[in-house]
Amino acid sequence: MKKLMWKRAGVVLGAVALVGTGLALTLPSSDAAINQPVRVIRCKGDKSHLFETIAGLRFDIATTGFLDAGVGDPFKLSDGRTARNLTVEDVFSTGQADGLGDASFSLDRSREAGPSGIVANQASSDFPATQTMRFHFTAKIGGVEYRSANAATVTNSEVRAFPPPPGTTYVLSNEVSLVDANGKSAGTLRPGRAFTVH
């Protein structure tokens, strides 16, 4: 019995070590082990998107929800600026797509989207800073389910504090293609205003 318990413990510890190593390898600092996300901050707000179909029809989508960000410890870049690693832990919002009906967005946890973070714009002060959040998502618009074909990149180059104060607005900086359950392209979310913090 004891031998079985030690064997199970060894498997669990090995898995934990492997996950920890994977996290450390993805972080940009030499002190990566201490820069893993240590707390989660929830930002509530309003989302606004312009959905353009393959046929060229455009629909405004307005939803309300949240984004949960995992926040790492601050570290210094080689040029002296302060930075933090961020991870998108959750995304969810619901609302309406004008002319199409109900709309909702959720985080797609099955795919990696690249690094997220917040970096001071100058070495002399932590703020203003540039914050970048990258993630894949699923969407349900007018009863039809879609997923992002490419990752969404949401940015603000003049963040004044973190957590961001109410009124802070982020923009979708890239066009995001939406595909249906069969992988067929249905349209795109156009770049522009994407999320305003309550």
N, C-alpha and C. Protein backbone atom coordinates (compact mmCIF):
# COMPACT_ATOMS: atom_id res chain seq x y z
N MET A 1 0.83 -1.20 0.00
CA MET A 1 0.00 0.00 0.00
C MET A 1 0.86 1.26 0.00
N LYS A 2 1.89 1.25 0.90
CA LYS A 2 2.78 2.42 0.95
C LYS A 2 3.50 2.62 -0.38
N LYS A 3 3.91 1.51 -0.97
CA LYS A 3 4.63 1.61 -2.25
C LYS A 3 3.73 2.24 -3.31
N LEU A 4 2.45 1.85 -3.33
CA LEU A 4 1.49 2.41 -4.29
C LEU A 4 1.29 3.90 -4.04
N MET A 5 1.18 4.30 -2.77
CA MET A 5 1.01 5.72 -2.44
C MET A 5 2.22 6.52 -2.88
N TRP A 6 3.43 6.04 -2.64
CA TRP A 6 4.64 6.76 -3.06
C TRP A 6 4.71 6.86 -4.58
N LYS A 7 4.28 5.79 -5.27
CA LYS A 7 4.29 5.80 -6.73
C LYS A 7 3.34 6.88 -7.26
N ARG A 8 2.11 6.94 -6.69
CA ARG A 8 1.15 7.96 -7.11
C ARG A 8 1.67 9.36 -6.83
N ALA A 9 2.27 9.53 -5.64
CA ALA A 9 2.82 10.84 -5.29
C ALA A 9 3.91 11.25 -6.27
N GLY A 10 4.72 10.28 -6.68
CA GLY A 10 5.79 10.57 -7.64
C GLY A 10 5.25 11.01 -8.98
N VAL A 11 4.16 10.37 -9.44
CA VAL A 11 3.54 10.75 -10.71
C VAL A 11 2.99 12.16 -10.63
N VAL A 12 2.30 12.48 -9.51
CA VAL A 12 1.73 13.82 -9.34
C VAL A 12 2.83 14.87 -9.29
N LEU A 13 3.88 14.63 -8.51
CA LEU A 13 4.97 15.60 -8.41
C LEU A 13 5.68 15.78 -9.74
N GLY A 14 5.83 14.69 -10.48
CA GLY A 14 6.44 14.80 -11.80
C GLY A 14 5.62 15.65 -12.74
N ALA A 15 4.28 15.47 -12.69
CA ALA A 15 3.40 16.29 -13.53
C ALA A 15 3.47 17.75 -13.14
N VAL A 16 3.48 18.03 -11.82
CA VAL A 16 3.59 19.41 -11.35
C VAL A 16 4.90 20.03 -11.81
N ALA A 17 5.99 19.29 -11.71
CA ALA A 17 7.29 19.81 -12.15
C ALA A 17 7.30 20.10 -13.64
N LEU A 18 6.65 19.22 -14.43
CA LEU A 18 6.60 19.42 -15.88
C LEU A 18 5.80 20.67 -16.22
N VAL A 19 4.64 20.84 -15.56
CA VAL A 19 3.84 22.04 -15.80
C VAL A 19 4.60 23.28 -15.40
N GLY A 20 5.25 23.25 -14.24
CA GLY A 20 6.03 24.41 -13.77
C GLY A 20 7.15 24.76 -14.72
N THR A 21 7.83 23.74 -15.26
CA THR A 21 8.89 23.98 -16.23
C THR A 21 8.34 24.61 -17.49
N GLY A 22 7.18 24.12 -17.95
CA GLY A 22 6.56 24.68 -19.15
C GLY A 22 6.21 26.14 -18.97
N LEU A 23 5.68 26.50 -17.79
CA LEU A 23 5.36 27.90 -17.52
C LEU A 23 6.61 28.76 -17.53
N ALA A 24 7.65 28.28 -16.86
CA ALA A 24 8.88 29.06 -16.76
C ALA A 24 9.50 29.31 -18.13
N LEU A 25 9.43 28.32 -19.02
CA LEU A 25 10.03 28.47 -20.33
C LEU A 25 9.31 29.48 -21.20
N THR A 26 8.03 29.78 -20.89
CA THR A 26 7.29 30.71 -21.74
C THR A 26 7.42 32.16 -21.27
N LEU A 27 8.04 32.39 -20.13
CA LEU A 27 8.12 33.74 -19.59
C LEU A 27 9.42 34.42 -20.03
N PRO A 28 9.38 35.76 -20.28
CA PRO A 28 10.53 36.42 -20.87
C PRO A 28 11.63 36.84 -19.91
N SER A 29 11.49 36.62 -18.62
CA SER A 29 12.49 37.10 -17.67
C SER A 29 13.41 35.97 -17.23
N SER A 30 14.64 36.33 -16.83
CA SER A 30 15.55 35.34 -16.29
C SER A 30 15.04 34.87 -14.92
N ASP A 31 14.19 35.65 -14.29
CA ASP A 31 13.58 35.28 -13.01
C ASP A 31 12.19 34.72 -13.25
N ALA A 32 12.04 33.92 -14.31
CA ALA A 32 10.72 33.47 -14.73
C ALA A 32 9.97 32.73 -13.63
N ALA A 33 10.67 32.00 -12.80
CA ALA A 33 10.00 31.20 -11.78
C ALA A 33 9.20 32.06 -10.82
N ILE A 34 9.65 33.29 -10.57
CA ILE A 34 8.91 34.14 -9.64
C ILE A 34 7.92 35.05 -10.37
N ASN A 35 7.86 34.96 -11.68
CA ASN A 35 6.98 35.82 -12.46
C ASN A 35 5.70 35.11 -12.91
N GLN A 36 5.43 33.93 -12.37
CA GLN A 36 4.19 33.27 -12.69
C GLN A 36 3.04 34.07 -12.10
N PRO A 37 1.85 34.02 -12.74
CA PRO A 37 0.72 34.76 -12.19
C PRO A 37 0.46 34.37 -10.75
N VAL A 38 0.30 35.38 -9.87
CA VAL A 38 0.12 35.11 -8.46
C VAL A 38 -1.28 35.50 -7.98
N ARG A 39 -2.00 36.26 -8.76
CA ARG A 39 -3.36 36.62 -8.39
C ARG A 39 -4.16 36.89 -9.66
N VAL A 40 -5.48 36.85 -9.51
CA VAL A 40 -6.36 37.08 -10.65
C VAL A 40 -7.18 38.33 -10.40
N ILE A 41 -7.19 39.22 -11.38
CA ILE A 41 -7.97 40.46 -11.31
C ILE A 41 -9.10 40.37 -12.33
N ARG A 42 -10.32 40.65 -11.88
CA ARG A 42 -11.47 40.66 -12.78
C ARG A 42 -11.79 42.09 -13.19
N CYS A 43 -11.82 42.32 -14.50
CA CYS A 43 -12.21 43.62 -15.05
C CYS A 43 -13.59 43.47 -15.68
N LYS A 44 -14.58 44.16 -15.13
CA LYS A 44 -15.93 44.15 -15.68
C LYS A 44 -16.08 45.32 -16.64
N GLY A 45 -16.90 45.13 -17.67
CA GLY A 45 -17.07 46.23 -18.60
C GLY A 45 -18.00 45.92 -19.74
N ASP A 46 -18.08 46.87 -20.66
CA ASP A 46 -18.92 46.77 -21.85
C ASP A 46 -18.05 46.48 -23.06
N LYS A 47 -18.50 45.56 -23.89
CA LYS A 47 -17.78 45.21 -25.12
C LYS A 47 -18.57 45.68 -26.32
N SER A 48 -17.86 46.10 -27.35
CA SER A 48 -18.49 46.57 -28.58
C SER A 48 -17.69 46.06 -29.77
N HIS A 49 -18.37 45.41 -30.71
CA HIS A 49 -17.70 44.86 -31.88
C HIS A 49 -18.52 45.15 -33.13
N LEU A 50 -17.82 45.20 -34.25
CA LEU A 50 -18.48 45.29 -35.55
C LEU A 50 -18.21 43.97 -36.27
N PHE A 51 -19.30 43.22 -36.50
CA PHE A 51 -19.22 41.93 -37.18
C PHE A 51 -19.57 42.12 -38.64
N GLU A 52 -18.64 41.76 -39.53
CA GLU A 52 -18.87 41.87 -40.97
C GLU A 52 -18.90 40.48 -41.58
N THR A 53 -20.01 40.14 -42.24
CA THR A 53 -20.16 38.82 -42.83
C THR A 53 -19.37 38.73 -44.14
N ILE A 54 -19.24 37.51 -44.63
CA ILE A 54 -18.57 37.28 -45.92
C ILE A 54 -19.26 38.05 -47.04
N ALA A 55 -20.57 38.21 -46.91
CA ALA A 55 -21.35 38.92 -47.94
C ALA A 55 -21.22 40.45 -47.82
N GLY A 56 -20.51 40.92 -46.78
CA GLY A 56 -20.32 42.35 -46.62
C GLY A 56 -21.34 43.04 -45.73
N LEU A 57 -22.27 42.30 -45.15
CA LEU A 57 -23.24 42.89 -44.22
C LEU A 57 -22.56 43.17 -42.89
N ARG A 58 -22.94 44.28 -42.24
CA ARG A 58 -22.30 44.66 -40.98
C ARG A 58 -23.33 44.73 -39.86
N PHE A 59 -22.96 44.21 -38.70
CA PHE A 59 -23.84 44.18 -37.54
C PHE A 59 -23.06 44.64 -36.31
N ASP A 60 -23.65 45.57 -35.56
CA ASP A 60 -23.06 46.01 -34.30
C ASP A 60 -23.42 45.01 -33.20
N ILE A 61 -22.42 44.63 -32.41
CA ILE A 61 -22.63 43.71 -31.29
C ILE A 61 -22.25 44.43 -30.01
N ALA A 62 -23.16 44.47 -29.04
CA ALA A 62 -22.89 45.09 -27.74
C ALA A 62 -23.15 44.06 -26.65
N THR A 63 -22.15 43.81 -25.82
CA THR A 63 -22.30 42.85 -24.73
C THR A 63 -21.71 43.44 -23.45
N THR A 64 -22.09 42.84 -22.33
CA THR A 64 -21.55 43.22 -21.02
C THR A 64 -21.00 41.97 -20.36
N GLY A 65 -19.83 42.10 -19.74
CA GLY A 65 -19.24 40.92 -19.11
C GLY A 65 -17.95 41.25 -18.40
N PHE A 66 -17.00 40.32 -18.50
CA PHE A 66 -15.75 40.48 -17.75
C PHE A 66 -14.59 39.79 -18.45
N LEU A 67 -13.39 40.16 -18.04
CA LEU A 67 -12.15 39.48 -18.40
C LEU A 67 -11.36 39.28 -17.12
N ASP A 68 -10.95 38.04 -16.84
CA ASP A 68 -10.11 37.74 -15.69
C ASP A 68 -8.66 37.63 -16.15
N ALA A 69 -7.79 38.41 -15.52
CA ALA A 69 -6.36 38.39 -15.87
C ALA A 69 -5.53 37.86 -14.72
N GLY A 70 -4.71 36.87 -14.99
CA GLY A 70 -3.71 36.41 -14.02
C GLY A 70 -2.52 37.34 -14.09
N VAL A 71 -2.06 37.81 -12.93
CA VAL A 71 -1.04 38.86 -12.87
C VAL A 71 0.24 38.32 -12.24
N GLY A 72 1.34 38.45 -12.96
CA GLY A 72 2.64 38.04 -12.44
C GLY A 72 3.33 39.16 -11.68
N ASP A 73 4.42 38.83 -11.00
CA ASP A 73 5.21 39.82 -10.26
C ASP A 73 5.92 40.75 -11.24
N PRO A 74 6.17 42.00 -10.84
CA PRO A 74 6.90 42.92 -11.72
C PRO A 74 8.36 42.50 -11.88
N PHE A 75 8.91 42.78 -13.05
CA PHE A 75 10.34 42.55 -13.29
C PHE A 75 10.83 43.64 -14.24
N LYS A 76 12.14 43.76 -14.36
CA LYS A 76 12.75 44.81 -15.20
C LYS A 76 13.21 44.24 -16.53
N LEU A 77 12.92 44.96 -17.60
CA LEU A 77 13.46 44.63 -18.91
C LEU A 77 14.88 45.16 -19.01
N SER A 78 15.59 44.76 -20.04
CA SER A 78 17.00 45.18 -20.19
C SER A 78 17.15 46.69 -20.33
N ASP A 79 16.10 47.38 -20.80
CA ASP A 79 16.18 48.84 -20.94
C ASP A 79 15.68 49.58 -19.70
N GLY A 80 15.40 48.84 -18.62
CA GLY A 80 15.02 49.46 -17.37
C GLY A 80 13.53 49.63 -17.14
N ARG A 81 12.71 49.33 -18.14
CA ARG A 81 11.28 49.47 -17.98
C ARG A 81 10.71 48.32 -17.14
N THR A 82 9.67 48.61 -16.37
CA THR A 82 9.00 47.61 -15.56
C THR A 82 7.97 46.87 -16.40
N ALA A 83 7.86 45.57 -16.19
CA ALA A 83 6.90 44.76 -16.94
C ALA A 83 6.29 43.71 -16.03
N ARG A 84 5.14 43.21 -16.42
CA ARG A 84 4.48 42.08 -15.75
C ARG A 84 3.95 41.14 -16.82
N ASN A 85 4.06 39.85 -16.58
CA ASN A 85 3.39 38.87 -17.43
C ASN A 85 1.93 38.78 -17.01
N LEU A 86 1.04 38.69 -17.98
CA LEU A 86 -0.37 38.52 -17.72
C LEU A 86 -0.86 37.27 -18.46
N THR A 87 -1.90 36.66 -17.94
CA THR A 87 -2.54 35.56 -18.64
C THR A 87 -4.04 35.81 -18.65
N VAL A 88 -4.69 35.46 -19.75
CA VAL A 88 -6.14 35.58 -19.81
C VAL A 88 -6.71 34.30 -19.21
N GLU A 89 -7.33 34.44 -18.03
CA GLU A 89 -7.86 33.29 -17.29
C GLU A 89 -9.30 32.99 -17.66
N ASP A 90 -10.07 34.01 -17.98
CA ASP A 90 -11.46 33.80 -18.37
C ASP A 90 -11.99 35.03 -19.09
N VAL A 91 -12.94 34.82 -19.97
CA VAL A 91 -13.63 35.88 -20.71
C VAL A 91 -15.08 35.45 -20.86
N PHE A 92 -16.00 36.34 -20.58
CA PHE A 92 -17.40 36.02 -20.81
C PHE A 92 -18.20 37.31 -20.92
N SER A 93 -19.12 37.36 -21.90
CA SER A 93 -20.03 38.50 -22.02
C SER A 93 -21.27 38.08 -22.79
N THR A 94 -22.37 38.76 -22.52
CA THR A 94 -23.63 38.49 -23.22
C THR A 94 -24.28 39.81 -23.59
N GLY A 95 -25.08 39.77 -24.65
CA GLY A 95 -25.79 40.97 -25.08
C GLY A 95 -26.53 40.71 -26.37
N GLN A 96 -26.50 41.71 -27.26
CA GLN A 96 -27.27 41.66 -28.50
C GLN A 96 -26.42 42.03 -29.72
N ALA A 97 -26.71 41.36 -30.82
CA ALA A 97 -26.18 41.75 -32.12
C ALA A 97 -27.35 42.36 -32.89
N ASP A 98 -27.26 43.65 -33.18
CA ASP A 98 -28.36 44.33 -33.86
C ASP A 98 -28.73 43.61 -35.16
N GLY A 99 -29.99 43.19 -35.26
CA GLY A 99 -30.46 42.53 -36.47
C GLY A 99 -30.24 41.03 -36.49
N LEU A 100 -29.49 40.50 -35.51
CA LEU A 100 -29.22 39.06 -35.48
C LEU A 100 -29.74 38.37 -34.24
N GLY A 101 -29.92 39.11 -33.15
CA GLY A 101 -30.41 38.51 -31.91
C GLY A 101 -29.36 38.44 -30.83
N ASP A 102 -29.51 37.46 -29.95
CA ASP A 102 -28.61 37.31 -28.80
C ASP A 102 -27.18 37.04 -29.25
N ALA A 103 -26.24 37.51 -28.42
CA ALA A 103 -24.81 37.28 -28.70
C ALA A 103 -24.09 37.01 -27.39
N SER A 104 -23.12 36.12 -27.43
CA SER A 104 -22.29 35.85 -26.26
C SER A 104 -20.88 35.47 -26.69
N PHE A 105 -19.91 35.76 -25.83
CA PHE A 105 -18.50 35.45 -26.08
C PHE A 105 -17.94 34.73 -24.87
N SER A 106 -17.12 33.70 -25.10
CA SER A 106 -16.48 32.95 -24.03
C SER A 106 -15.04 32.64 -24.41
N LEU A 107 -14.19 32.47 -23.40
CA LEU A 107 -12.80 32.10 -23.64
C LEU A 107 -12.72 30.68 -24.18
N ASP A 108 -11.91 30.49 -25.21
CA ASP A 108 -11.61 29.15 -25.74
C ASP A 108 -10.33 28.68 -25.08
N ARG A 109 -10.47 27.83 -24.08
CA ARG A 109 -9.31 27.36 -23.30
C ARG A 109 -8.50 26.30 -24.02
N SER A 110 -8.99 25.81 -25.15
CA SER A 110 -8.32 24.70 -25.83
C SER A 110 -7.14 25.14 -26.68
N ARG A 111 -6.96 26.47 -26.86
CA ARG A 111 -5.89 26.94 -27.74
C ARG A 111 -5.07 28.05 -27.09
N GLU A 112 -3.76 28.01 -27.31
CA GLU A 112 -2.87 29.05 -26.83
C GLU A 112 -2.89 30.23 -27.80
N ALA A 113 -2.75 31.43 -27.26
CA ALA A 113 -2.87 32.61 -28.12
C ALA A 113 -1.62 33.48 -28.14
N GLY A 114 -0.57 33.12 -27.43
CA GLY A 114 0.61 33.96 -27.38
C GLY A 114 0.65 34.75 -26.09
N PRO A 115 1.76 35.46 -25.85
CA PRO A 115 1.95 36.15 -24.57
C PRO A 115 1.07 37.38 -24.39
N SER A 116 0.71 37.63 -23.14
CA SER A 116 0.03 38.86 -22.75
C SER A 116 0.89 39.53 -21.69
N GLY A 117 0.75 40.85 -21.57
CA GLY A 117 1.56 41.53 -20.55
C GLY A 117 1.27 43.01 -20.49
N ILE A 118 1.94 43.64 -19.53
CA ILE A 118 1.86 45.10 -19.40
C ILE A 118 3.28 45.61 -19.21
N VAL A 119 3.66 46.61 -20.02
CA VAL A 119 5.03 47.12 -20.04
C VAL A 119 5.00 48.64 -19.94
N ALA A 120 5.78 49.19 -19.02
CA ALA A 120 5.87 50.64 -18.87
C ALA A 120 6.35 51.27 -20.17
N ASN A 121 5.84 52.45 -20.47
CA ASN A 121 6.25 53.14 -21.70
C ASN A 121 7.61 53.80 -21.57
N GLN A 122 8.09 53.98 -20.34
CA GLN A 122 9.41 54.57 -20.11
C GLN A 122 10.01 54.00 -18.83
N ALA A 123 11.33 54.07 -18.71
CA ALA A 123 12.02 53.49 -17.56
C ALA A 123 11.81 54.29 -16.28
N SER A 124 11.46 55.56 -16.40
CA SER A 124 11.38 56.43 -15.22
C SER A 124 10.12 56.24 -14.39
N SER A 125 9.10 55.56 -14.95
CA SER A 125 7.84 55.41 -14.24
C SER A 125 7.11 54.16 -14.73
N ASP A 126 6.36 53.52 -13.83
CA ASP A 126 5.62 52.31 -14.21
C ASP A 126 4.43 52.62 -15.13
N PHE A 127 3.93 53.86 -15.07
CA PHE A 127 2.78 54.27 -15.88
C PHE A 127 3.04 55.63 -16.49
N PRO A 128 2.47 55.93 -17.68
CA PRO A 128 1.58 55.06 -18.46
C PRO A 128 2.31 53.83 -19.00
N ALA A 129 1.51 52.82 -19.33
CA ALA A 129 2.06 51.56 -19.80
C ALA A 129 1.21 51.03 -20.95
N THR A 130 1.78 50.08 -21.68
CA THR A 130 1.07 49.43 -22.77
C THR A 130 0.67 48.03 -22.32
N GLN A 131 -0.62 47.76 -22.36
CA GLN A 131 -1.14 46.46 -21.97
C GLN A 131 -1.65 45.74 -23.21
N THR A 132 -1.27 44.48 -23.33
CA THR A 132 -1.69 43.65 -24.46
C THR A 132 -2.25 42.34 -23.92
N MET A 133 -3.46 42.00 -24.37
CA MET A 133 -4.09 40.74 -23.98
C MET A 133 -4.40 39.95 -25.25
N ARG A 134 -3.96 38.69 -25.27
CA ARG A 134 -4.20 37.83 -26.43
C ARG A 134 -4.98 36.59 -26.00
N PHE A 135 -5.99 36.23 -26.78
CA PHE A 135 -6.78 35.05 -26.44
C PHE A 135 -7.62 34.59 -27.64
N HIS A 136 -7.98 33.32 -27.63
CA HIS A 136 -8.95 32.77 -28.56
C HIS A 136 -10.30 32.73 -27.86
N PHE A 137 -11.37 32.78 -28.63
CA PHE A 137 -12.70 32.77 -28.03
C PHE A 137 -13.68 32.00 -28.89
N THR A 138 -14.80 31.67 -28.27
CA THR A 138 -15.95 31.14 -29.00
C THR A 138 -17.06 32.19 -28.91
N ALA A 139 -17.93 32.20 -29.90
CA ALA A 139 -19.02 33.17 -29.93
C ALA A 139 -20.30 32.48 -30.37
N LYS A 140 -21.41 32.95 -29.83
CA LYS A 140 -22.71 32.50 -30.30
C LYS A 140 -23.47 33.76 -30.69
N ILE A 141 -23.75 33.88 -31.99
CA ILE A 141 -24.39 35.09 -32.53
C ILE A 141 -25.65 34.68 -33.29
N GLY A 142 -26.79 35.17 -32.82
CA GLY A 142 -28.05 34.81 -33.47
C GLY A 142 -28.31 33.32 -33.50
N GLY A 143 -27.87 32.62 -32.46
CA GLY A 143 -28.10 31.18 -32.37
C GLY A 143 -27.08 30.31 -33.09
N VAL A 144 -26.10 30.92 -33.76
CA VAL A 144 -25.08 30.17 -34.50
C VAL A 144 -23.75 30.26 -33.74
N GLU A 145 -23.08 29.12 -33.60
CA GLU A 145 -21.81 29.08 -32.86
C GLU A 145 -20.62 29.25 -33.80
N TYR A 146 -19.67 30.04 -33.34
CA TYR A 146 -18.45 30.32 -34.08
C TYR A 146 -17.25 30.19 -33.15
N ARG A 147 -16.07 30.16 -33.75
CA ARG A 147 -14.83 30.26 -32.97
C ARG A 147 -13.87 31.16 -33.73
N SER A 148 -12.96 31.75 -33.00
CA SER A 148 -11.97 32.62 -33.64
C SER A 148 -10.96 31.77 -34.39
N ALA A 149 -10.72 32.11 -35.66
CA ALA A 149 -9.73 31.38 -36.45
C ALA A 149 -8.32 31.82 -36.07
N ASN A 150 -8.18 33.07 -35.66
CA ASN A 150 -6.90 33.59 -35.19
C ASN A 150 -7.16 34.28 -33.84
N ALA A 151 -6.11 34.46 -33.08
CA ALA A 151 -6.25 35.03 -31.75
C ALA A 151 -6.62 36.51 -31.81
N ALA A 152 -7.44 36.94 -30.86
CA ALA A 152 -7.73 38.36 -30.70
C ALA A 152 -6.60 39.01 -29.92
N THR A 153 -6.20 40.21 -30.34
CA THR A 153 -5.19 40.99 -29.62
C THR A 153 -5.84 42.31 -29.22
N VAL A 154 -6.00 42.50 -27.91
CA VAL A 154 -6.67 43.68 -27.37
C VAL A 154 -5.63 44.52 -26.65
N THR A 155 -5.54 45.83 -26.97
CA THR A 155 -4.46 46.66 -26.43
C THR A 155 -4.96 48.02 -25.94
N ASN A 156 -4.14 48.59 -25.07
CA ASN A 156 -4.26 50.00 -24.68
C ASN A 156 -2.84 50.47 -24.43
N SER A 157 -2.41 51.52 -25.14
CA SER A 157 -1.02 51.99 -25.03
C SER A 157 -0.84 53.09 -24.01
N GLU A 158 -1.92 53.44 -23.29
CA GLU A 158 -1.83 54.53 -22.30
C GLU A 158 -2.52 54.15 -20.99
N VAL A 159 -2.32 52.91 -20.53
CA VAL A 159 -2.90 52.49 -19.26
C VAL A 159 -2.29 53.31 -18.14
N ARG A 160 -3.14 53.90 -17.29
CA ARG A 160 -2.68 54.83 -16.24
C ARG A 160 -2.48 54.17 -14.89
N ALA A 161 -3.01 52.96 -14.70
CA ALA A 161 -2.86 52.23 -13.44
C ALA A 161 -3.25 50.79 -13.70
N PHE A 162 -2.87 49.92 -12.77
CA PHE A 162 -3.28 48.53 -12.88
C PHE A 162 -3.60 48.00 -11.50
N PRO A 163 -4.81 47.50 -11.24
CA PRO A 163 -5.87 47.27 -12.21
C PRO A 163 -6.33 48.55 -12.89
N PRO A 164 -6.81 48.46 -14.13
CA PRO A 164 -7.20 49.68 -14.87
C PRO A 164 -8.42 50.34 -14.24
N PRO A 165 -8.42 51.65 -14.14
CA PRO A 165 -9.56 52.36 -13.56
C PRO A 165 -10.76 52.38 -14.50
N PRO A 166 -11.97 52.62 -13.96
CA PRO A 166 -13.15 52.75 -14.82
C PRO A 166 -12.93 53.78 -15.92
N GLY A 167 -13.44 53.47 -17.10
CA GLY A 167 -13.27 54.36 -18.25
C GLY A 167 -12.12 53.97 -19.15
N THR A 168 -11.22 53.09 -18.67
CA THR A 168 -10.11 52.62 -19.51
C THR A 168 -10.68 51.82 -20.68
N THR A 169 -10.26 52.17 -21.88
CA THR A 169 -10.80 51.52 -23.08
C THR A 169 -9.70 50.78 -23.83
N TYR A 170 -10.00 49.56 -24.20
CA TYR A 170 -9.08 48.72 -24.98
C TYR A 170 -9.63 48.57 -26.39
N VAL A 171 -8.73 48.43 -27.35
CA VAL A 171 -9.16 48.25 -28.73
C VAL A 171 -8.71 46.89 -29.26
N LEU A 172 -9.55 46.33 -30.12
CA LEU A 172 -9.16 45.14 -30.85
C LEU A 172 -8.23 45.62 -31.96
N SER A 173 -6.97 45.23 -31.90
CA SER A 173 -5.99 45.79 -32.83
C SER A 173 -5.81 44.97 -34.10
N ASN A 174 -6.48 43.83 -34.18
CA ASN A 174 -6.38 43.01 -35.40
C ASN A 174 -7.76 42.52 -35.82
N GLU A 175 -7.89 42.22 -37.09
CA GLU A 175 -9.12 41.63 -37.61
C GLU A 175 -9.16 40.16 -37.19
N VAL A 176 -10.30 39.72 -36.63
CA VAL A 176 -10.43 38.33 -36.18
C VAL A 176 -11.45 37.61 -37.04
N SER A 177 -11.02 36.55 -37.70
CA SER A 177 -11.92 35.76 -38.53
C SER A 177 -12.72 34.79 -37.67
N LEU A 178 -14.00 34.68 -37.97
CA LEU A 178 -14.87 33.73 -37.28
C LEU A 178 -15.22 32.60 -38.23
N VAL A 179 -15.13 31.38 -37.73
CA VAL A 179 -15.49 30.21 -38.53
C VAL A 179 -16.59 29.44 -37.81
N ASP A 180 -17.43 28.74 -38.59
CA ASP A 180 -18.52 27.97 -37.99
C ASP A 180 -18.03 26.59 -37.56
N ALA A 181 -18.96 25.74 -37.13
CA ALA A 181 -18.61 24.42 -36.62
C ALA A 181 -17.94 23.54 -37.66
N ASN A 182 -18.14 23.84 -38.95
CA ASN A 182 -17.53 23.07 -40.03
C ASN A 182 -16.21 23.68 -40.51
N GLY A 183 -15.77 24.76 -39.85
CA GLY A 183 -14.53 25.41 -40.24
C GLY A 183 -14.69 26.38 -41.39
N LYS A 184 -15.94 26.64 -41.79
CA LYS A 184 -16.19 27.56 -42.90
C LYS A 184 -16.21 29.00 -42.40
N SER A 185 -15.51 29.88 -43.11
CA SER A 185 -15.45 31.28 -42.72
C SER A 185 -16.82 31.93 -42.82
N ALA A 186 -17.18 32.67 -41.74
CA ALA A 186 -18.50 33.31 -41.71
C ALA A 186 -18.39 34.82 -41.76
N GLY A 187 -17.23 35.35 -41.44
CA GLY A 187 -17.04 36.80 -41.40
C GLY A 187 -15.93 37.17 -40.46
N THR A 188 -15.87 38.45 -40.11
CA THR A 188 -14.79 38.94 -39.25
C THR A 188 -15.32 39.93 -38.23
N LEU A 189 -14.60 40.01 -37.12
CA LEU A 189 -14.77 41.13 -36.20
C LEU A 189 -13.74 42.16 -36.60
N ARG A 190 -14.18 43.36 -36.87
CA ARG A 190 -13.30 44.41 -37.36
C ARG A 190 -12.52 45.05 -36.21
N PRO A 191 -11.31 45.53 -36.48
CA PRO A 191 -10.55 46.23 -35.44
C PRO A 191 -11.28 47.48 -34.97
N GLY A 192 -11.02 47.86 -33.73
CA GLY A 192 -11.64 49.06 -33.17
C GLY A 192 -11.96 48.87 -31.70
N ARG A 193 -12.74 49.82 -31.15
CA ARG A 193 -13.09 49.78 -29.74
C ARG A 193 -13.64 48.40 -29.37
N ALA A 194 -13.11 47.84 -28.27
CA ALA A 194 -13.51 46.48 -27.93
C ALA A 194 -14.01 46.32 -26.50
N PHE A 195 -13.43 47.05 -25.54
CA PHE A 195 -13.79 46.81 -24.14
C PHE A 195 -13.53 48.07 -23.32
N THR A 196 -14.55 48.51 -22.58
CA THR A 196 -14.40 49.67 -21.70
C THR A 196 -14.70 49.23 -20.28
N VAL A 197 -13.76 49.48 -19.38
CA VAL A 197 -13.89 49.04 -17.99
C VAL A 197 -14.96 49.86 -17.27
N HIS A 198 -15.81 49.19 -16.49
CA HIS A 198 -16.84 49.86 -15.66
C HIS A 198 -16.16 50.59 -14.50
